[in-house]
Amino acid sequence: MNPIRVLLVDDEGQFVDTVVERLRLRGLDADGVTNGHDAMGLLPLKPYDVVLLDVKMPGLGGLEVIRTIKERWPDLQVVLLTGHGSTKDVE
């Protein structure tokens, strides 16, 4: 059985490093990037099962990234992360 492939996208680098390390220790195939542009560069290269995506990031934010993901890879599962958002952000 192949490990679950996870991409974590968050602008807090230490958080990304820590979570990716913990996911790998649990047998997941995890990658992490700190901005939306890097995420969009990785997505065509590897068939991820799930993207953990910060909503508010400088530059290309999570809401723009999820729109592109759902256009190009409609079956890809996305979990939105935020420390200060509301449900209005995703409507």
C-alpha atoms as a PDB file:
ATOM      1  CA  MET A   1       0.000   0.000   0.000  1.00  0.00           C
ATOM      2  CA  ASN A   2       1.374   3.402  -0.990  1.00  0.00           C
ATOM      3  CA  PRO A   3       1.627   6.099   1.677  1.00  0.00           C
ATOM      4  CA  ILE A   4      -0.793   9.028   1.572  1.00  0.00           C
ATOM      5  CA  ARG A   5       0.773  11.966  -0.290  1.00  0.00           C
ATOM      6  CA  VAL A   6       0.296  15.303   1.506  1.00  0.00           C
ATOM      7  CA  LEU A   7       1.280  18.825   0.522  1.00  0.00           C
ATOM      8  CA  LEU A   8       1.312  21.413   3.315  1.00  0.00           C
ATOM      9  CA  VAL A   9       1.200  25.062   2.219  1.00  0.00           C
ATOM     10  CA  ASP A  10       1.636  27.684   4.948  1.00  0.00           C
ATOM     11  CA  ASP A  11       3.639  30.890   5.174  1.00  0.00           C
ATOM     12  CA  GLU A  12       5.024  29.981   8.611  1.00  0.00           C
ATOM     13  CA  GLY A  13       8.175  28.048   7.758  1.00  0.00           C
ATOM     14  CA  GLN A  14       8.785  26.567  11.194  1.00  0.00           C
ATOM     15  CA  PHE A  15       5.201  25.247  11.288  1.00  0.00           C
ATOM     16  CA  VAL A  16       5.655  23.682   7.834  1.00  0.00           C
ATOM     17  CA  ASP A  17       8.941  22.022   8.816  1.00  0.00           C
ATOM     18  CA  THR A  18       7.512  20.645  12.064  1.00  0.00           C
ATOM     19  CA  VAL A  19       4.283  19.279  10.586  1.00  0.00           C
ATOM     20  CA  VAL A  20       6.013  17.751   7.556  1.00  0.00           C
ATOM     21  CA  GLU A  21       8.513  16.029   9.849  1.00  0.00           C
ATOM     22  CA  ARG A  22       5.712  14.670  12.056  1.00  0.00           C
ATOM     23  CA  LEU A  23       3.716  13.421   9.057  1.00  0.00           C
ATOM     24  CA  ARG A  24       6.771  11.650   7.652  1.00  0.00           C
ATOM     25  CA  LEU A  25       7.436  10.001  11.015  1.00  0.00           C
ATOM     26  CA  ARG A  26       3.921   8.589  10.764  1.00  0.00           C
ATOM     27  CA  GLY A  27       4.595   7.085   7.348  1.00  0.00           C
ATOM     28  CA  LEU A  28       3.008   9.715   5.114  1.00  0.00           C
ATOM     29  CA  ASP A  29       4.715  11.061   2.013  1.00  0.00           C
ATOM     30  CA  ALA A  30       4.705  14.747   2.979  1.00  0.00           C
ATOM     31  CA  ASP A  31       6.083  17.848   1.318  1.00  0.00           C
ATOM     32  CA  GLY A  32       5.824  21.430   2.461  1.00  0.00           C
ATOM     33  CA  VAL A  33       6.134  24.872   0.917  1.00  0.00           C
ATOM     34  CA  THR A  34       5.733  28.359   2.316  1.00  0.00           C
ATOM     35  CA  ASN A  35       3.802  30.086  -0.456  1.00  0.00           C
ATOM     36  CA  GLY A  36       1.115  29.555  -3.048  1.00  0.00           C
ATOM     37  CA  HIS A  37       3.440  29.961  -6.026  1.00  0.00           C
ATOM     38  CA  ASP A  38       5.650  27.076  -4.886  1.00  0.00           C
ATOM     39  CA  ALA A  39       2.568  24.950  -4.284  1.00  0.00           C
ATOM     40  CA  MET A  40       1.350  25.580  -7.820  1.00  0.00           C
ATOM     41  CA  GLY A  41       4.787  24.537  -9.072  1.00  0.00           C
ATOM     42  CA  LEU A  42       4.730  21.219  -7.185  1.00  0.00           C
ATOM     43  CA  LEU A  43       1.144  20.161  -7.862  1.00  0.00           C
ATOM     44  CA  PRO A  44       1.672  19.199 -11.520  1.00  0.00           C
ATOM     45  CA  LEU A  45       4.784  17.187 -10.596  1.00  0.00           C
ATOM     46  CA  LYS A  46       3.361  14.799  -8.000  1.00  0.00           C
ATOM     47  CA  PRO A  47      -0.072  13.206  -7.560  1.00  0.00           C
ATOM     48  CA  TYR A  48      -0.976  14.420  -4.064  1.00  0.00           C
ATOM     49  CA  ASP A  49      -3.910  12.931  -2.188  1.00  0.00           C
ATOM     50  CA  VAL A  50      -4.534  15.953  -0.003  1.00  0.00           C
ATOM     51  CA  VAL A  51      -3.390  19.560   0.325  1.00  0.00           C
ATOM     52  CA  LEU A  52      -3.336  21.284   3.716  1.00  0.00           C
ATOM     53  CA  LEU A  53      -3.666  24.920   2.693  1.00  0.00           C
ATOM     54  CA  ASP A  54      -3.355  28.124   4.700  1.00  0.00           C
ATOM     55  CA  VAL A  55      -6.068  30.602   3.744  1.00  0.00           C
ATOM     56  CA  LYS A  56      -4.141  33.819   4.386  1.00  0.00           C
ATOM     57  CA  MET A  57      -0.670  34.040   2.889  1.00  0.00           C
ATOM     58  CA  PRO A  58       1.188  36.926   1.279  1.00  0.00           C
ATOM     59  CA  GLY A  59       1.242  36.902  -2.501  1.00  0.00           C
ATOM     60  CA  LEU A  60      -0.804  34.036  -3.903  1.00  0.00           C
ATOM     61  CA  GLY A  61      -3.180  33.255  -1.047  1.00  0.00           C
ATOM     62  CA  GLY A  62      -4.975  30.050  -0.223  1.00  0.00           C
ATOM     63  CA  LEU A  63      -8.301  31.050  -1.737  1.00  0.00           C
ATOM     64  CA  GLU A  64      -6.673  31.699  -5.112  1.00  0.00           C
ATOM     65  CA  VAL A  65      -4.766  28.417  -4.863  1.00  0.00           C
ATOM     66  CA  ILE A  66      -7.886  26.386  -4.049  1.00  0.00           C
ATOM     67  CA  ARG A  67      -9.727  27.881  -7.024  1.00  0.00           C
ATOM     68  CA  THR A  68      -6.941  26.728  -9.328  1.00  0.00           C
ATOM     69  CA  ILE A  69      -6.747  23.317  -7.657  1.00  0.00           C
ATOM     70  CA  LYS A  70     -10.473  22.731  -8.112  1.00  0.00           C
ATOM     71  CA  GLU A  71     -10.249  23.742 -11.790  1.00  0.00           C
ATOM     72  CA  ARG A  72      -7.226  21.570 -12.622  1.00  0.00           C
ATOM     73  CA  TRP A  73      -7.542  18.703 -10.124  1.00  0.00           C
ATOM     74  CA  PRO A  74     -11.211  18.594  -9.048  1.00  0.00           C
ATOM     75  CA  ASP A  75     -10.808  15.312  -7.131  1.00  0.00           C
ATOM     76  CA  LEU A  76      -7.880  16.542  -5.023  1.00  0.00           C
ATOM     77  CA  GLN A  77      -8.913  16.927  -1.397  1.00  0.00           C
ATOM     78  CA  VAL A  78      -8.103  20.266   0.249  1.00  0.00           C
ATOM     79  CA  VAL A  79      -8.177  21.123   3.956  1.00  0.00           C
ATOM     80  CA  LEU A  80      -8.137  24.859   4.647  1.00  0.00           C
ATOM     81  CA  LEU A  81      -6.125  26.076   7.620  1.00  0.00           C
ATOM     82  CA  THR A  82      -6.380  29.474   9.259  1.00  0.00           C
ATOM     83  CA  GLY A  83      -5.590  31.105  12.543  1.00  0.00           C
ATOM     84  CA  HIS A  84      -7.818  34.132  12.023  1.00  0.00           C
ATOM     85  CA  GLY A  85     -10.440  33.487   9.387  1.00  0.00           C
ATOM     86  CA  SER A  86     -14.160  32.933   9.390  1.00  0.00           C
ATOM     87  CA  THR A  87     -16.621  30.970   7.333  1.00  0.00           C
ATOM     88  CA  LYS A  88     -17.228  34.167   5.313  1.00  0.00           C
ATOM     89  CA  ASP A  89     -13.695  33.787   3.904  1.00  0.00           C
ATOM     90  CA  VAL A  90     -14.658  30.622   2.004  1.00  0.00           C
ATOM     91  CA  GLU A  91     -18.122  31.568   0.773  1.00  0.00           C
END
